[in-house]
Amino acid sequence: MEINFRNDGNAICVTASGVNLPFIYVQWHNGSITENSVKNINIDSMRTVYVMPEFDDMILLLKGEINIFQWIKDIIRTDCFMEFSKKDPIPFLYALIMFVIRGFKFLGKKIK
């Protein structure tokens, strides 16, 4: 189980579904939660979430594997993004800048 959300975006989709597994994991290991309290977690509160790996989807869009209308539709229905967070947009902006820079370097090599 990865606790640091910055290292693995998949961890945030578990929390977005209604169960904070990383928090439960930490509590378990520091002894503040018992096996019985884990069994009493209300799984009825869990919900399906749509997760988007933004940069992977951008590559699919650029390659023409999905069209712009499908991509926009997917963004609208997405509950949780792998990189983007309204609460902390700086890592996404940095990743976006690096994505664009790598794209230009790749295009520069193809042109030569």
PDB file of N, CA and C in Angstrom:
ATOM      1  N   MET A   1       0.860  -1.179   0.000  1.00  0.00           N
ATOM      2  CA  MET A   1       0.000   0.000   0.000  1.00  0.00           C
ATOM      3  C   MET A   1       0.895   1.227   0.000  1.00  0.00           C
ATOM      4  N   GLU A   2       0.703   2.098  -0.945  1.00  0.00           N
ATOM      5  CA  GLU A   2       1.473   3.331  -1.038  1.00  0.00           C
ATOM      6  C   GLU A   2       0.744   4.423  -0.260  1.00  0.00           C
ATOM      7  N   ILE A   3       1.405   5.046   0.667  1.00  0.00           N
ATOM      8  CA  ILE A   3       0.792   6.081   1.501  1.00  0.00           C
ATOM      9  C   ILE A   3       0.945   7.452   0.861  1.00  0.00           C
ATOM     10  N   ASN A   4       2.056   7.715   0.217  1.00  0.00           N
ATOM     11  CA  ASN A   4       2.317   9.015  -0.372  1.00  0.00           C
ATOM     12  C   ASN A   4       1.542   9.139  -1.679  1.00  0.00           C
ATOM     13  N   PHE A   5       0.490   9.967  -1.696  1.00  0.00           N
ATOM     14  CA  PHE A   5      -0.347  10.115  -2.879  1.00  0.00           C
ATOM     15  C   PHE A   5       0.429  10.654  -4.079  1.00  0.00           C
ATOM     16  N   ARG A   6       1.504  11.387  -3.849  1.00  0.00           N
ATOM     17  CA  ARG A   6       2.287  11.931  -4.960  1.00  0.00           C
ATOM     18  C   ARG A   6       3.007  10.819  -5.716  1.00  0.00           C
ATOM     19  N   ASN A   7       3.301   9.705  -5.044  1.00  0.00           N
ATOM     20  CA  ASN A   7       4.025   8.618  -5.691  1.00  0.00           C
ATOM     21  C   ASN A   7       3.119   7.681  -6.473  1.00  0.00           C
ATOM     22  N   ASP A   8       1.852   7.646  -6.123  1.00  0.00           N
ATOM     23  CA  ASP A   8       0.947   6.737  -6.812  1.00  0.00           C
ATOM     24  C   ASP A   8      -0.453   7.320  -6.832  1.00  0.00           C
ATOM     25  N   GLY A   9      -0.858   7.809  -7.970  1.00  0.00           N
ATOM     26  CA  GLY A   9      -2.184   8.398  -8.113  1.00  0.00           C
ATOM     27  C   GLY A   9      -3.313   7.419  -7.878  1.00  0.00           C
ATOM     28  N   ASN A  10      -3.033   6.117  -8.045  1.00  0.00           N
ATOM     29  CA  ASN A  10      -4.089   5.128  -7.815  1.00  0.00           C
ATOM     30  C   ASN A  10      -4.598   5.156  -6.380  1.00  0.00           C
ATOM     31  N   ALA A  11      -3.756   5.518  -5.423  1.00  0.00           N
ATOM     32  CA  ALA A  11      -4.175   5.549  -4.025  1.00  0.00           C
ATOM     33  C   ALA A  11      -5.295   6.559  -3.816  1.00  0.00           C
ATOM     34  N   ILE A  12      -5.267   7.671  -4.531  1.00  0.00           N
ATOM     35  CA  ILE A  12      -6.294   8.695  -4.329  1.00  0.00           C
ATOM     36  C   ILE A  12      -7.653   8.225  -4.829  1.00  0.00           C
ATOM     37  N   CYS A  13      -7.713   7.356  -5.823  1.00  0.00           N
ATOM     38  CA  CYS A  13      -9.013   6.894  -6.304  1.00  0.00           C
ATOM     39  C   CYS A  13      -9.703   6.010  -5.277  1.00  0.00           C
ATOM     40  N   VAL A  14      -8.935   5.322  -4.435  1.00  0.00           N
ATOM     41  CA  VAL A  14      -9.537   4.530  -3.361  1.00  0.00           C
ATOM     42  C   VAL A  14     -10.216   5.463  -2.371  1.00  0.00           C
ATOM     43  N   THR A  15      -9.534   6.527  -1.996  1.00  0.00           N
ATOM     44  CA  THR A  15     -10.114   7.499  -1.073  1.00  0.00           C
ATOM     45  C   THR A  15     -11.328   8.170  -1.699  1.00  0.00           C
ATOM     46  N   ALA A  16     -11.245   8.516  -2.963  1.00  0.00           N
ATOM     47  CA  ALA A  16     -12.376   9.156  -3.647  1.00  0.00           C
ATOM     48  C   ALA A  16     -13.596   8.244  -3.700  1.00  0.00           C
ATOM     49  N   SER A  17     -13.376   6.944  -3.625  1.00  0.00           N
ATOM     50  CA  SER A  17     -14.504   6.012  -3.672  1.00  0.00           C
ATOM     51  C   SER A  17     -15.245   5.933  -2.350  1.00  0.00           C
ATOM     52  N   GLY A  18     -14.685   6.515  -1.291  1.00  0.00           N
ATOM     53  CA  GLY A  18     -15.393   6.569  -0.018  1.00  0.00           C
ATOM     54  C   GLY A  18     -14.716   5.856   1.133  1.00  0.00           C
ATOM     55  N   VAL A  19     -13.590   5.195   0.899  1.00  0.00           N
ATOM     56  CA  VAL A  19     -12.864   4.527   1.977  1.00  0.00           C
ATOM     57  C   VAL A  19     -11.412   4.989   1.922  1.00  0.00           C
ATOM     58  N   ASN A  20     -10.949   5.569   3.012  1.00  0.00           N
ATOM     59  CA  ASN A  20      -9.591   6.093   3.057  1.00  0.00           C
ATOM     60  C   ASN A  20      -8.619   4.997   3.490  1.00  0.00           C
ATOM     61  N   LEU A  21      -8.304   4.102   2.561  1.00  0.00           N
ATOM     62  CA  LEU A  21      -7.429   2.967   2.870  1.00  0.00           C
ATOM     63  C   LEU A  21      -6.046   3.383   3.356  1.00  0.00           C
ATOM     64  N   PRO A  22      -5.409   4.396   2.775  1.00  0.00           N
ATOM     65  CA  PRO A  22      -4.097   4.784   3.298  1.00  0.00           C
ATOM     66  C   PRO A  22      -4.160   5.216   4.768  1.00  0.00           C
ATOM     67  N   PHE A  23      -5.203   5.935   5.144  1.00  0.00           N
ATOM     68  CA  PHE A  23      -5.366   6.361   6.534  1.00  0.00           C
ATOM     69  C   PHE A  23      -5.584   5.150   7.439  1.00  0.00           C
ATOM     70  N   ILE A  24      -6.409   4.226   6.997  1.00  0.00           N
ATOM     71  CA  ILE A  24      -6.665   3.001   7.765  1.00  0.00           C
ATOM     72  C   ILE A  24      -5.368   2.207   7.917  1.00  0.00           C
ATOM     73  N   TYR A  25      -4.575   2.149   6.868  1.00  0.00           N
ATOM     74  CA  TYR A  25      -3.293   1.442   6.890  1.00  0.00           C
ATOM     75  C   TYR A  25      -2.360   2.039   7.945  1.00  0.00           C
ATOM     76  N   VAL A  26      -2.255   3.368   7.965  1.00  0.00           N
ATOM     77  CA  VAL A  26      -1.398   4.034   8.947  1.00  0.00           C
ATOM     78  C   VAL A  26      -1.916   3.774  10.354  1.00  0.00           C
ATOM     79  N   GLN A  27      -3.235   3.901  10.544  1.00  0.00           N
ATOM     80  CA  GLN A  27      -3.817   3.643  11.861  1.00  0.00           C
ATOM     81  C   GLN A  27      -3.538   2.210  12.318  1.00  0.00           C
ATOM     82  N   TRP A  28      -3.660   1.268  11.408  1.00  0.00           N
ATOM     83  CA  TRP A  28      -3.427  -0.139  11.729  1.00  0.00           C
ATOM     84  C   TRP A  28      -2.003  -0.338  12.246  1.00  0.00           C
ATOM     85  N   HIS A  29      -1.043   0.278  11.538  1.00  0.00           N
ATOM     86  CA  HIS A  29       0.358   0.073  11.899  1.00  0.00           C
ATOM     87  C   HIS A  29       0.804   0.853  13.121  1.00  0.00           C
ATOM     88  N   ASN A  30       0.096   1.913  13.476  1.00  0.00           N
ATOM     89  CA  ASN A  30       0.473   2.606  14.710  1.00  0.00           C
ATOM     90  C   ASN A  30      -0.372   2.147  15.899  1.00  0.00           C
ATOM     91  N   GLY A  31      -1.237   1.152  15.666  1.00  0.00           N
ATOM     92  CA  GLY A  31      -1.984   0.525  16.748  1.00  0.00           C
ATOM     93  C   GLY A  31      -3.250   1.238  17.171  1.00  0.00           C
ATOM     94  N   SER A  32      -3.663   2.266  16.436  1.00  0.00           N
ATOM     95  CA  SER A  32      -4.854   3.009  16.843  1.00  0.00           C
ATOM     96  C   SER A  32      -6.138   2.469  16.216  1.00  0.00           C
ATOM     97  N   ILE A  33      -6.043   1.390  15.474  1.00  0.00           N
ATOM     98  CA  ILE A  33      -7.227   0.754  14.899  1.00  0.00           C
ATOM     99  C   ILE A  33      -7.077  -0.764  15.103  1.00  0.00           C
ATOM    100  N   THR A  34      -8.186  -1.402  15.341  1.00  0.00           N
ATOM    101  CA  THR A  34      -8.145  -2.845  15.584  1.00  0.00           C
ATOM    102  C   THR A  34      -8.751  -3.592  14.411  1.00  0.00           C
ATOM    103  N   GLU A  35      -8.549  -4.889  14.406  1.00  0.00           N
ATOM    104  CA  GLU A  35      -9.118  -5.725  13.351  1.00  0.00           C
ATOM    105  C   GLU A  35     -10.644  -5.613  13.336  1.00  0.00           C
ATOM    106  N   ASN A  36     -11.253  -5.544  14.522  1.00  0.00           N
ATOM    107  CA  ASN A  36     -12.715  -5.425  14.588  1.00  0.00           C
ATOM    108  C   ASN A  36     -13.214  -4.117  13.990  1.00  0.00           C
ATOM    109  N   SER A  37     -12.491  -3.012  14.231  1.00  0.00           N
ATOM    110  CA  SER A  37     -12.940  -1.741  13.665  1.00  0.00           C
ATOM    111  C   SER A  37     -12.773  -1.724  12.144  1.00  0.00           C
ATOM    112  N   VAL A  38     -11.780  -2.442  11.624  1.00  0.00           N
ATOM    113  CA  VAL A  38     -11.623  -2.548  10.168  1.00  0.00           C
ATOM    114  C   VAL A  38     -12.797  -3.322   9.589  1.00  0.00           C
ATOM    115  N   LYS A  39     -13.216  -4.380  10.270  1.00  0.00           N
ATOM    116  CA  LYS A  39     -14.354  -5.176   9.796  1.00  0.00           C
ATOM    117  C   LYS A  39     -15.649  -4.371   9.793  1.00  0.00           C
ATOM    118  N   ASN A  40     -15.724  -3.340  10.622  1.00  0.00           N
ATOM    119  CA  ASN A  40     -16.948  -2.537  10.726  1.00  0.00           C
ATOM    120  C   ASN A  40     -16.992  -1.363   9.752  1.00  0.00           C
ATOM    121  N   ILE A  41     -16.038  -1.271   8.848  1.00  0.00           N
ATOM    122  CA  ILE A  41     -16.062  -0.197   7.850  1.00  0.00           C
ATOM    123  C   ILE A  41     -17.293  -0.386   6.972  1.00  0.00           C
ATOM    124  N   ASN A  42     -18.012   0.679   6.767  1.00  0.00           N
ATOM    125  CA  ASN A  42     -19.259   0.627   5.999  1.00  0.00           C
ATOM    126  C   ASN A  42     -18.953   0.621   4.504  1.00  0.00           C
ATOM    127  N   ILE A  43     -18.956  -0.566   3.911  1.00  0.00           N
ATOM    128  CA  ILE A  43     -18.663  -0.656   2.482  1.00  0.00           C
ATOM    129  C   ILE A  43     -19.824  -0.128   1.640  1.00  0.00           C
ATOM    130  N   ASP A  44     -20.999   0.055   2.257  1.00  0.00           N
ATOM    131  CA  ASP A  44     -22.130   0.634   1.525  1.00  0.00           C
ATOM    132  C   ASP A  44     -21.869   2.088   1.164  1.00  0.00           C
ATOM    133  N   SER A  45     -20.946   2.729   1.882  1.00  0.00           N
ATOM    134  CA  SER A  45     -20.628   4.127   1.572  1.00  0.00           C
ATOM    135  C   SER A  45     -19.693   4.249   0.373  1.00  0.00           C
ATOM    136  N   MET A  46     -19.133   3.123  -0.066  1.00  0.00           N
ATOM    137  CA  MET A  46     -18.239   3.153  -1.226  1.00  0.00           C
ATOM    138  C   MET A  46     -19.034   3.403  -2.495  1.00  0.00           C
ATOM    139  N   ARG A  47     -18.414   4.084  -3.439  1.00  0.00           N
ATOM    140  CA  ARG A  47     -19.069   4.353  -4.712  1.00  0.00           C
ATOM    141  C   ARG A  47     -18.068   4.163  -5.839  1.00  0.00           C
ATOM    142  N   THR A  48     -18.604   3.961  -7.019  1.00  0.00           N
ATOM    143  CA  THR A  48     -17.760   3.846  -8.203  1.00  0.00           C
ATOM    144  C   THR A  48     -17.229   5.229  -8.559  1.00  0.00           C
ATOM    145  N   VAL A  49     -15.962   5.297  -8.881  1.00  0.00           N
ATOM    146  CA  VAL A  49     -15.374   6.564  -9.314  1.00  0.00           C
ATOM    147  C   VAL A  49     -14.718   6.368 -10.678  1.00  0.00           C
ATOM    148  N   TYR A  50     -14.717   7.426 -11.445  1.00  0.00           N
ATOM    149  CA  TYR A  50     -14.023   7.428 -12.731  1.00  0.00           C
ATOM    150  C   TYR A  50     -12.722   8.194 -12.541  1.00  0.00           C
ATOM    151  N   VAL A  51     -11.619   7.528 -12.863  1.00  0.00           N
ATOM    152  CA  VAL A  51     -10.291   8.096 -12.696  1.00  0.00           C
ATOM    153  C   VAL A  51      -9.683   8.323 -14.071  1.00  0.00           C
ATOM    154  N   MET A  52      -9.037   9.467 -14.241  1.00  0.00           N
ATOM    155  CA  MET A  52      -8.397   9.758 -15.523  1.00  0.00           C
ATOM    156  C   MET A  52      -6.903   9.998 -15.328  1.00  0.00           C
ATOM    157  N   PRO A  53      -6.083   9.212 -15.993  1.00  0.00           N
ATOM    158  CA  PRO A  53      -4.654   9.532 -16.059  1.00  0.00           C
ATOM    159  C   PRO A  53      -4.475  10.574 -17.179  1.00  0.00           C
ATOM    160  N   GLU A  54      -4.486  11.837 -16.798  1.00  0.00           N
ATOM    161  CA  GLU A  54      -4.567  12.932 -17.766  1.00  0.00           C
ATOM    162  C   GLU A  54      -3.547  12.857 -18.888  1.00  0.00           C
ATOM    163  N   PHE A  55      -2.292  12.624 -18.533  1.00  0.00           N
ATOM    164  CA  PHE A  55      -1.244  12.678 -19.551  1.00  0.00           C
ATOM    165  C   PHE A  55      -1.309  11.483 -20.502  1.00  0.00           C
ATOM    166  N   ASP A  56      -1.665  10.333 -19.979  1.00  0.00           N
ATOM    167  CA  ASP A  56      -1.860   9.178 -20.857  1.00  0.00           C
ATOM    168  C   ASP A  56      -3.011   9.444 -21.822  1.00  0.00           C
ATOM    169  N   ASP A  57      -4.082  10.050 -21.319  1.00  0.00           N
ATOM    170  CA  ASP A  57      -5.214  10.368 -22.187  1.00  0.00           C
ATOM    171  C   ASP A  57      -4.857  11.438 -23.219  1.00  0.00           C
ATOM    172  N   MET A  58      -4.003  12.399 -22.823  1.00  0.00           N
ATOM    173  CA  MET A  58      -3.573  13.416 -23.793  1.00  0.00           C
ATOM    174  C   MET A  58      -2.801  12.767 -24.933  1.00  0.00           C
ATOM    175  N   ILE A  59      -1.979  11.783 -24.618  1.00  0.00           N
ATOM    176  CA  ILE A  59      -1.219  11.076 -25.653  1.00  0.00           C
ATOM    177  C   ILE A  59      -2.172  10.338 -26.585  1.00  0.00           C
ATOM    178  N   LEU A  60      -3.197   9.680 -26.020  1.00  0.00           N
ATOM    179  CA  LEU A  60      -4.198   9.000 -26.861  1.00  0.00           C
ATOM    180  C   LEU A  60      -4.894   9.999 -27.773  1.00  0.00           C
ATOM    181  N   LEU A  61      -5.193  11.179 -27.249  1.00  0.00           N
ATOM    182  CA  LEU A  61      -5.830  12.228 -28.042  1.00  0.00           C
ATOM    183  C   LEU A  61      -4.902  12.679 -29.167  1.00  0.00           C
ATOM    184  N   LEU A  62      -3.642  12.926 -28.852  1.00  0.00           N
ATOM    185  CA  LEU A  62      -2.677  13.386 -29.858  1.00  0.00           C
ATOM    186  C   LEU A  62      -2.419  12.333 -30.935  1.00  0.00           C
ATOM    187  N   LYS A  63      -2.472  11.054 -30.552  1.00  0.00           N
ATOM    188  CA  LYS A  63      -2.283   9.974 -31.515  1.00  0.00           C
ATOM    189  C   LYS A  63      -3.536   9.713 -32.336  1.00  0.00           C
ATOM    190  N   GLY A  64      -4.653  10.325 -31.963  1.00  0.00           N
ATOM    191  CA  GLY A  64      -5.900  10.121 -32.695  1.00  0.00           C
ATOM    192  C   GLY A  64      -6.632   8.845 -32.295  1.00  0.00           C
ATOM    193  N   GLU A  65      -6.234   8.245 -31.172  1.00  0.00           N
ATOM    194  CA  GLU A  65      -6.893   7.020 -30.729  1.00  0.00           C
ATOM    195  C   GLU A  65      -8.239   7.301 -30.055  1.00  0.00           C
ATOM    196  N   ILE A  66      -8.397   8.525 -29.557  1.00  0.00           N
ATOM    197  CA  ILE A  66      -9.706   8.989 -29.098  1.00  0.00           C
ATOM    198  C   ILE A  66      -9.929  10.366 -29.703  1.00  0.00           C
ATOM    199  N   ASN A  67     -11.192  10.730 -29.907  1.00  0.00           N
ATOM    200  CA  ASN A  67     -11.450  12.048 -30.487  1.00  0.00           C
ATOM    201  C   ASN A  67     -11.673  13.076 -29.382  1.00  0.00           C
ATOM    202  N   ILE A  68     -11.601  14.325 -29.748  1.00  0.00           N
ATOM    203  CA  ILE A  68     -11.684  15.425 -28.790  1.00  0.00           C
ATOM    204  C   ILE A  68     -13.011  15.409 -28.023  1.00  0.00           C
ATOM    205  N   PHE A  69     -14.098  15.027 -28.695  1.00  0.00           N
ATOM    206  CA  PHE A  69     -15.406  15.010 -28.040  1.00  0.00           C
ATOM    207  C   PHE A  69     -15.469  13.931 -26.959  1.00  0.00           C
ATOM    208  N   GLN A  70     -14.902  12.767 -27.248  1.00  0.00           N
ATOM    209  CA  GLN A  70     -14.854  11.699 -26.240  1.00  0.00           C
ATOM    210  C   GLN A  70     -13.978  12.114 -25.075  1.00  0.00           C
ATOM    211  N   TRP A  71     -12.864  12.769 -25.365  1.00  0.00           N
ATOM    212  CA  TRP A  71     -11.933  13.208 -24.332  1.00  0.00           C
ATOM    213  C   TRP A  71     -12.600  14.211 -23.401  1.00  0.00           C
ATOM    214  N   ILE A  72     -13.309  15.172 -23.975  1.00  0.00           N
ATOM    215  CA  ILE A  72     -14.020  16.169 -23.162  1.00  0.00           C
ATOM    216  C   ILE A  72     -15.109  15.498 -22.337  1.00  0.00           C
ATOM    217  N   LYS A  73     -15.839  14.573 -22.941  1.00  0.00           N
ATOM    218  CA  LYS A  73     -16.879  13.823 -22.219  1.00  0.00           C
ATOM    219  C   LYS A  73     -16.261  13.061 -21.042  1.00  0.00           C
ATOM    220  N   ASP A  74     -15.105  12.458 -21.263  1.00  0.00           N
ATOM    221  CA  ASP A  74     -14.418  11.726 -20.197  1.00  0.00           C
ATOM    222  C   ASP A  74     -13.972  12.663 -19.068  1.00  0.00           C
ATOM    223  N   ILE A  75     -13.478  13.840 -19.427  1.00  0.00           N
ATOM    224  CA  ILE A  75     -13.064  14.816 -18.410  1.00  0.00           C
ATOM    225  C   ILE A  75     -14.256  15.227 -17.558  1.00  0.00           C
ATOM    226  N   ILE A  76     -15.391  15.465 -18.194  1.00  0.00           N
ATOM    227  CA  ILE A  76     -16.585  15.906 -17.463  1.00  0.00           C
ATOM    228  C   ILE A  76     -17.060  14.858 -16.467  1.00  0.00           C
ATOM    229  N   ARG A  77     -17.012  13.587 -16.851  1.00  0.00           N
ATOM    230  CA  ARG A  77     -17.521  12.544 -15.957  1.00  0.00           C
ATOM    231  C   ARG A  77     -16.481  12.042 -14.950  1.00  0.00           C
ATOM    232  N   THR A  78     -15.249  12.499 -15.064  1.00  0.00           N
ATOM    233  CA  THR A  78     -14.186  12.045 -14.171  1.00  0.00           C
ATOM    234  C   THR A  78     -14.358  12.629 -12.773  1.00  0.00           C
ATOM    235  N   ASP A  79     -14.261  11.745 -11.782  1.00  0.00           N
ATOM    236  CA  ASP A  79     -14.359  12.151 -10.379  1.00  0.00           C
ATOM    237  C   ASP A  79     -12.992  12.462  -9.782  1.00  0.00           C
ATOM    238  N   CYS A  80     -11.969  11.834 -10.318  1.00  0.00           N
ATOM    239  CA  CYS A  80     -10.652  11.875  -9.702  1.00  0.00           C
ATOM    240  C   CYS A  80      -9.589  11.808 -10.797  1.00  0.00           C
ATOM    241  N   PHE A  81      -8.668  12.730 -10.757  1.00  0.00           N
ATOM    242  CA  PHE A  81      -7.577  12.751 -11.734  1.00  0.00           C
ATOM    243  C   PHE A  81      -6.302  12.234 -11.077  1.00  0.00           C
ATOM    244  N   MET A  82      -5.433  11.647 -11.880  1.00  0.00           N
ATOM    245  CA  MET A  82      -4.188  11.105 -11.355  1.00  0.00           C
ATOM    246  C   MET A  82      -3.206  12.210 -10.956  1.00  0.00           C
ATOM    247  N   GLU A  83      -3.193  13.311 -11.664  1.00  0.00           N
ATOM    248  CA  GLU A  83      -2.244  14.388 -11.392  1.00  0.00           C
ATOM    249  C   GLU A  83      -2.914  15.649 -10.860  1.00  0.00           C
ATOM    250  N   PHE A  84      -4.033  16.023 -11.429  1.00  0.00           N
ATOM    251  CA  PHE A  84      -4.644  17.312 -11.105  1.00  0.00           C
ATOM    252  C   PHE A  84      -5.431  17.269  -9.810  1.00  0.00           C
ATOM    253  N   SER A  85      -5.245  18.300  -8.992  1.00  0.00           N
ATOM    254  CA  SER A  85      -6.028  18.486  -7.768  1.00  0.00           C
ATOM    255  C   SER A  85      -6.309  19.973  -7.614  1.00  0.00           C
ATOM    256  N   LYS A  86      -7.564  20.317  -7.406  1.00  0.00           N
ATOM    257  CA  LYS A  86      -7.912  21.728  -7.177  1.00  0.00           C
ATOM    258  C   LYS A  86      -7.211  22.267  -5.938  1.00  0.00           C
ATOM    259  N   LYS A  87      -7.026  21.403  -4.947  1.00  0.00           N
ATOM    260  CA  LYS A  87      -6.413  21.823  -3.687  1.00  0.00           C
ATOM    261  C   LYS A  87      -4.913  22.065  -3.813  1.00  0.00           C
ATOM    262  N   ASP A  88      -4.282  21.418  -4.765  1.00  0.00           N
ATOM    263  CA  ASP A  88      -2.835  21.537  -4.946  1.00  0.00           C
ATOM    264  C   ASP A  88      -2.484  21.407  -6.428  1.00  0.00           C
ATOM    265  N   PRO A  89      -2.699  22.478  -7.212  1.00  0.00           N
ATOM    266  CA  PRO A  89      -2.489  22.389  -8.668  1.00  0.00           C
ATOM    267  C   PRO A  89      -1.026  22.471  -9.112  1.00  0.00           C
ATOM    268  N   ILE A  90      -0.115  22.870  -8.236  1.00  0.00           N
ATOM    269  CA  ILE A  90       1.275  23.097  -8.635  1.00  0.00           C
ATOM    270  C   ILE A  90       1.937  21.845  -9.215  1.00  0.00           C
ATOM    271  N   PRO A  91       1.810  20.661  -8.606  1.00  0.00           N
ATOM    272  CA  PRO A  91       2.436  19.472  -9.215  1.00  0.00           C
ATOM    273  C   PRO A  91       1.893  19.174 -10.616  1.00  0.00           C
ATOM    274  N   PHE A  92       0.591  19.405 -10.828  1.00  0.00           N
ATOM    275  CA  PHE A  92       0.020  19.193 -12.159  1.00  0.00           C
ATOM    276  C   PHE A  92       0.616  20.187 -13.152  1.00  0.00           C
ATOM    277  N   LEU A  93       0.718  21.450 -12.754  1.00  0.00           N
ATOM    278  CA  LEU A  93       1.279  22.462 -13.666  1.00  0.00           C
ATOM    279  C   LEU A  93       2.727  22.129 -14.016  1.00  0.00           C
ATOM    280  N   TYR A  94       3.492  21.688 -13.033  1.00  0.00           N
ATOM    281  CA  TYR A  94       4.873  21.280 -13.296  1.00  0.00           C
ATOM    282  C   TYR A  94       4.904  20.102 -14.268  1.00  0.00           C
ATOM    283  N   ALA A  95       4.055  19.097 -14.016  1.00  0.00           N
ATOM    284  CA  ALA A  95       4.009  17.920 -14.897  1.00  0.00           C
ATOM    285  C   ALA A  95       3.577  18.318 -16.305  1.00  0.00           C
ATOM    286  N   LEU A  96       2.657  19.260 -16.411  1.00  0.00           N
ATOM    287  CA  LEU A  96       2.194  19.730 -17.726  1.00  0.00           C
ATOM    288  C   LEU A  96       3.326  20.419 -18.479  1.00  0.00           C
ATOM    289  N   ILE A  97       4.074  21.254 -17.785  1.00  0.00           N
ATOM    290  CA  ILE A  97       5.217  21.935 -18.415  1.00  0.00           C
ATOM    291  C   ILE A  97       6.234  20.900 -18.898  1.00  0.00           C
ATOM    292  N   MET A  98       6.531  19.913 -18.065  1.00  0.00           N
ATOM    293  CA  MET A  98       7.489  18.872 -18.456  1.00  0.00           C
ATOM    294  C   MET A  98       6.952  18.046 -19.634  1.00  0.00           C
ATOM    295  N   PHE A  99       5.655  17.787 -19.652  1.00  0.00           N
ATOM    296  CA  PHE A  99       5.016  17.053 -20.745  1.00  0.00           C
ATOM    297  C   PHE A  99       5.195  17.809 -22.065  1.00  0.00           C
ATOM    298  N   VAL A 100       4.970  19.122 -22.029  1.00  0.00           N
ATOM    299  CA  VAL A 100       5.107  19.953 -23.233  1.00  0.00           C
ATOM    300  C   VAL A 100       6.570  20.015 -23.673  1.00  0.00           C
ATOM    301  N   ILE A 101       7.476  20.197 -22.722  1.00  0.00           N
ATOM    302  CA  ILE A 101       8.906  20.256 -23.066  1.00  0.00           C
ATOM    303  C   ILE A 101       9.364  18.943 -23.708  1.00  0.00           C
ATOM    304  N   ARG A 102       8.976  17.810 -23.119  1.00  0.00           N
ATOM    305  CA  ARG A 102       9.339  16.508 -23.708  1.00  0.00           C
ATOM    306  C   ARG A 102       8.734  16.353 -25.100  1.00  0.00           C
ATOM    307  N   GLY A 103       7.532  16.863 -25.285  1.00  0.00           N
ATOM    308  CA  GLY A 103       6.889  16.791 -26.596  1.00  0.00           C
ATOM    309  C   GLY A 103       7.669  17.565 -27.642  1.00  0.00           C
ATOM    310  N   PHE A 104       8.132  18.782 -27.276  1.00  0.00           N
ATOM    311  CA  PHE A 104       8.920  19.581 -28.212  1.00  0.00           C
ATOM    312  C   PHE A 104      10.265  18.924 -28.512  1.00  0.00           C
ATOM    313  N   LYS A 105      10.891  18.335 -27.495  1.00  0.00           N
ATOM    314  CA  LYS A 105      12.169  17.643 -27.722  1.00  0.00           C
ATOM    315  C   LYS A 105      11.971  16.455 -28.658  1.00  0.00           C
ATOM    316  N   PHE A 106      10.875  15.719 -28.461  1.00  0.00           N
ATOM    317  CA  PHE A 106      10.566  14.576 -29.316  1.00  0.00           C
ATOM    318  C   PHE A 106      10.334  15.027 -30.751  1.00  0.00           C
ATOM    319  N   LEU A 107       9.555  16.103 -30.929  1.00  0.00           N
ATOM    320  CA  LEU A 107       9.305  16.616 -32.282  1.00  0.00           C
ATOM    321  C   LEU A 107      10.589  17.112 -32.928  1.00  0.00           C
ATOM    322  N   GLY A 108      11.457  17.746 -32.146  1.00  0.00           N
ATOM    323  CA  GLY A 108      12.736  18.229 -32.667  1.00  0.00           C
ATOM    324  C   GLY A 108      13.594  17.096 -33.192  1.00  0.00           C
ATOM    325  N   LYS A 109      13.605  15.967 -32.509  1.00  0.00           N
ATOM    326  CA  LYS A 109      14.376  14.806 -32.950  1.00  0.00           C
ATOM    327  C   LYS A 109      13.784  14.191 -34.198  1.00  0.00           C
ATOM    328  N   LYS A 110      12.456  14.210 -34.332  1.00  0.00           N
ATOM    329  CA  LYS A 110      11.801  13.617 -35.511  1.00  0.00           C
ATOM    330  C   LYS A 110      12.033  14.463 -36.747  1.00  0.00           C
ATOM    331  N   ILE A 111      12.148  15.779 -36.578  1.00  0.00           N
ATOM    332  CA  ILE A 111      12.327  16.690 -37.714  1.00  0.00           C
ATOM    333  C   ILE A 111      13.720  16.555 -38.285  1.00  0.00           C
ATOM    334  N   LYS A 112      14.724  16.317 -37.454  1.00  0.00           N
ATOM    335  CA  LYS A 112      16.121  16.210 -37.907  1.00  0.00           C
ATOM    336  C   LYS A 112      16.315  15.025 -38.743  1.00  0.00           C
TER     337      LYS A 112
END
